[in-house]
PDB file of N, CA and C in Angstrom:
ATOM      1  N   UNK A   1       0.838  -1.202   0.000  1.00  0.00           N
ATOM      2  CA  UNK A   1       0.000   0.000   0.000  1.00  0.00           C
ATOM      3  C   UNK A   1       0.873   1.252   0.000  1.00  0.00           C
ATOM      4  N   UNK A   2       1.880   1.270   0.849  1.00  0.00           N
ATOM      5  CA  UNK A   2       2.762   2.433   0.903  1.00  0.00           C
ATOM      6  C   UNK A   2       3.468   2.663  -0.435  1.00  0.00           C
ATOM      7  N   UNK A   3       3.877   1.559  -1.058  1.00  0.00           N
ATOM      8  CA  UNK A   3       4.568   1.669  -2.347  1.00  0.00           C
ATOM      9  C   UNK A   3       3.654   2.308  -3.383  1.00  0.00           C
ATOM     10  N   UNK A   4       2.387   1.912  -3.366  1.00  0.00           N
ATOM     11  CA  UNK A   4       1.424   2.472  -4.331  1.00  0.00           C
ATOM     12  C   UNK A   4       1.233   3.961  -4.070  1.00  0.00           C
ATOM     13  N   UNK A   5       1.072   4.341  -2.800  1.00  0.00           N
ATOM     14  CA  UNK A   5       0.897   5.751  -2.453  1.00  0.00           C
ATOM     15  C   UNK A   5       2.135   6.553  -2.862  1.00  0.00           C
ATOM     16  N   UNK A   6       3.312   5.989  -2.605  1.00  0.00           N
ATOM     17  CA  UNK A   6       4.557   6.679  -2.960  1.00  0.00           C
ATOM     18  C   UNK A   6       4.647   6.864  -4.474  1.00  0.00           C
ATOM     19  N   UNK A   7       4.272   5.806  -5.200  1.00  0.00           N
ATOM     20  CA  UNK A   7       4.333   5.885  -6.669  1.00  0.00           C
ATOM     21  C   UNK A   7       3.370   6.948  -7.179  1.00  0.00           C
ATOM     22  N   UNK A   8       2.157   6.983  -6.612  1.00  0.00           N
ATOM     23  CA  UNK A   8       1.160   7.951  -7.053  1.00  0.00           C
ATOM     24  C   UNK A   8       1.628   9.375  -6.761  1.00  0.00           C
ATOM     25  N   UNK A   9       2.192   9.587  -5.555  1.00  0.00           N
ATOM     26  CA  UNK A   9       2.623  10.938  -5.201  1.00  0.00           C
ATOM     27  C   UNK A   9       3.840  11.338  -6.036  1.00  0.00           C
ATOM     28  N   UNK A  10       4.730  10.396  -6.309  1.00  0.00           N
ATOM     29  CA  UNK A  10       5.910  10.730  -7.114  1.00  0.00           C
ATOM     30  C   UNK A  10       5.501  10.972  -8.561  1.00  0.00           C
ATOM     31  N   UNK A  11       4.488  10.234  -9.044  1.00  0.00           N
ATOM     32  CA  UNK A  11       3.985  10.457 -10.398  1.00  0.00           C
ATOM     33  C   UNK A  11       3.341  11.831 -10.474  1.00  0.00           C
ATOM     34  N   UNK A  12       2.646  12.228  -9.395  1.00  0.00           N
ATOM     35  CA  UNK A  12       2.023  13.552  -9.346  1.00  0.00           C
ATOM     36  C   UNK A  12       3.082  14.633  -9.391  1.00  0.00           C
ATOM     37  N   UNK A  13       4.179  14.443  -8.632  1.00  0.00           N
ATOM     38  CA  UNK A  13       5.276  15.417  -8.635  1.00  0.00           C
ATOM     39  C   UNK A  13       5.878  15.518 -10.024  1.00  0.00           C
ATOM     40  N   UNK A  14       6.030  14.384 -10.676  1.00  0.00           N
ATOM     41  CA  UNK A  14       6.608  14.343 -12.022  1.00  0.00           C
ATOM     42  C   UNK A  14       5.738  15.151 -12.979  1.00  0.00           C
ATOM     43  N   UNK A  15       4.433  14.971 -12.878  1.00  0.00           N
ATOM     44  CA  UNK A  15       3.496  15.679 -13.758  1.00  0.00           C
ATOM     45  C   UNK A  15       3.584  17.173 -13.513  1.00  0.00           C
ATOM     46  N   UNK A  16       3.645  17.558 -12.233  1.00  0.00           N
ATOM     47  CA  UNK A  16       3.738  18.974 -11.877  1.00  0.00           C
ATOM     48  C   UNK A  16       5.034  19.557 -12.438  1.00  0.00           C
ATOM     49  N   UNK A  17       6.121  18.806 -12.310  1.00  0.00           N
ATOM     50  CA  UNK A  17       7.426  19.254 -12.799  1.00  0.00           C
ATOM     51  C   UNK A  17       7.368  19.503 -14.300  1.00  0.00           C
ATOM     52  N   UNK A  18       6.715  18.590 -15.019  1.00  0.00           N
ATOM     53  CA  UNK A  18       6.586  18.736 -16.474  1.00  0.00           C
ATOM     54  C   UNK A  18       5.788  19.993 -16.809  1.00  0.00           C
ATOM     55  N   UNK A  19       4.705  20.236 -16.068  1.00  0.00           N
ATOM     56  CA  UNK A  19       3.882  21.422 -16.321  1.00  0.00           C
ATOM     57  C   UNK A  19       4.687  22.694 -16.083  1.00  0.00           C
ATOM     58  N   UNK A  20       5.475  22.702 -15.013  1.00  0.00           N
ATOM     59  CA  UNK A  20       6.298  23.878 -14.702  1.00  0.00           C
ATOM     60  C   UNK A  20       7.321  24.104 -15.816  1.00  0.00           C
ATOM     61  N   UNK A  21       7.941  23.027 -16.293  1.00  0.00           N
ATOM     62  CA  UNK A  21       8.925  23.139 -17.372  1.00  0.00           C
ATOM     63  C   UNK A  21       8.278  23.738 -18.622  1.00  0.00           C
ATOM     64  N   UNK A  22       7.080  23.250 -18.970  1.00  0.00           N
ATOM     65  CA  UNK A  22       6.378  23.743 -20.161  1.00  0.00           C
ATOM     66  C   UNK A  22       6.046  25.221 -19.992  1.00  0.00           C
ATOM     67  N   UNK A  23       5.589  25.592 -18.786  1.00  0.00           N
ATOM     68  CA  UNK A  23       5.228  26.985 -18.516  1.00  0.00           C
ATOM     69  C   UNK A  23       6.453  27.879 -18.670  1.00  0.00           C
ATOM     70  N   UNK A  24       7.582  27.445 -18.103  1.00  0.00           N
ATOM     71  CA  UNK A  24       8.812  28.239 -18.201  1.00  0.00           C
ATOM     72  C   UNK A  24       9.246  28.373 -19.648  1.00  0.00           C
ATOM     73  N   UNK A  25       9.118  27.295 -20.415  1.00  0.00           N
ATOM     74  CA  UNK A  25       9.529  27.333 -21.817  1.00  0.00           C
ATOM     75  C   UNK A  25       8.643  28.288 -22.609  1.00  0.00           C
ATOM     76  N   UNK A  26       7.337  28.288 -22.308  1.00  0.00           N
ATOM     77  CA  UNK A  26       6.418  29.195 -23.004  1.00  0.00           C
ATOM     78  C   UNK A  26       6.773  30.640 -22.685  1.00  0.00           C
ATOM     79  N   UNK A  27       7.072  30.929 -21.408  1.00  0.00           N
ATOM     80  CA  UNK A  27       7.438  32.290 -21.015  1.00  0.00           C
ATOM     81  C   UNK A  27       8.727  32.698 -21.724  1.00  0.00           C
ATOM     82  N   UNK A  28       9.680  31.770 -21.796  1.00  0.00           N
ATOM     83  CA  UNK A  28      10.955  32.042 -22.462  1.00  0.00           C
ATOM     84  C   UNK A  28      10.728  32.349 -23.938  1.00  0.00           C
ATOM     85  N   UNK A  29       9.877  31.558 -24.592  1.00  0.00           N
ATOM     86  CA  UNK A  29       9.609  31.766 -26.018  1.00  0.00           C
ATOM     87  C   UNK A  29       8.919  33.110 -26.246  1.00  0.00           C
ATOM     88  N   UNK A  30       8.014  33.491 -25.326  1.00  0.00           N
ATOM     89  CA  UNK A  30       7.334  34.784 -25.461  1.00  0.00           C
ATOM     90  C   UNK A  30       8.347  35.911 -25.357  1.00  0.00           C
ATOM     91  N   UNK A  31       9.280  35.791 -24.403  1.00  0.00           N
ATOM     92  CA  UNK A  31      10.315  36.814 -24.244  1.00  0.00           C
ATOM     93  C   UNK A  31      11.167  36.897 -25.509  1.00  0.00           C
ATOM     94  N   UNK A  32      11.529  35.747 -26.048  1.00  0.00           N
ATOM     95  CA  UNK A  32      12.331  35.709 -27.273  1.00  0.00           C
ATOM     96  C   UNK A  32      11.579  36.399 -28.415  1.00  0.00           C
ATOM     97  N   UNK A  33      10.288  36.115 -28.518  1.00  0.00           N
ATOM     98  CA  UNK A  33       9.477  36.702 -29.586  1.00  0.00           C
ATOM     99  C   UNK A  33       9.439  38.218 -29.438  1.00  0.00           C
ATOM    100  N   UNK A  34       9.301  38.690 -28.202  1.00  0.00           N
ATOM    101  CA  UNK A  34       9.261  40.143 -27.963  1.00  0.00           C
ATOM    102  C   UNK A  34      10.603  40.767 -28.358  1.00  0.00           C
ATOM    103  N   UNK A  35      11.710  40.119 -27.974  1.00  0.00           N
ATOM    104  CA  UNK A  35      13.023  40.661 -28.332  1.00  0.00           C
ATOM    105  C   UNK A  35      13.220  40.651 -29.845  1.00  0.00           C
ATOM    106  N   UNK A  36      12.716  39.624 -30.507  1.00  0.00           N
ATOM    107  CA  UNK A  36      12.833  39.548 -31.966  1.00  0.00           C
ATOM    108  C   UNK A  36      12.102  40.711 -32.614  1.00  0.00           C
ATOM    109  N   UNK A  37      10.953  41.074 -32.069  1.00  0.00           N
ATOM    110  CA  UNK A  37      10.183  42.201 -32.607  1.00  0.00           C
ATOM    111  C   UNK A  37      10.997  43.484 -32.427  1.00  0.00           C
ATOM    112  N   UNK A  38      11.622  43.632 -31.250  1.00  0.00           N
ATOM    113  CA  UNK A  38      12.424  44.838 -31.007  1.00  0.00           C
ATOM    114  C   UNK A  38      13.636  44.900 -31.935  1.00  0.00           C
ATOM    115  N   UNK A  39      14.218  43.735 -32.208  1.00  0.00           N
ATOM    116  CA  UNK A  39      15.393  43.687 -33.089  1.00  0.00           C
ATOM    117  C   UNK A  39      15.038  44.143 -34.498  1.00  0.00           C
ATOM    118  N   UNK A  40      13.816  43.853 -34.928  1.00  0.00           N
ATOM    119  CA  UNK A  40      13.394  44.292 -36.255  1.00  0.00           C
ATOM    120  C   UNK A  40      13.201  45.797 -36.207  1.00  0.00           C
TER     121      UNK A  40
END
């Protein structure tokens, strides 16, 4: 039972980590796009 709970919570952390990574990448791409506009 503990192993299952640990796996579920670690899988949840993994999912959250992936979401945070995607969010950071989107913010980074938006910043890049804004700088590209300024460069033009």
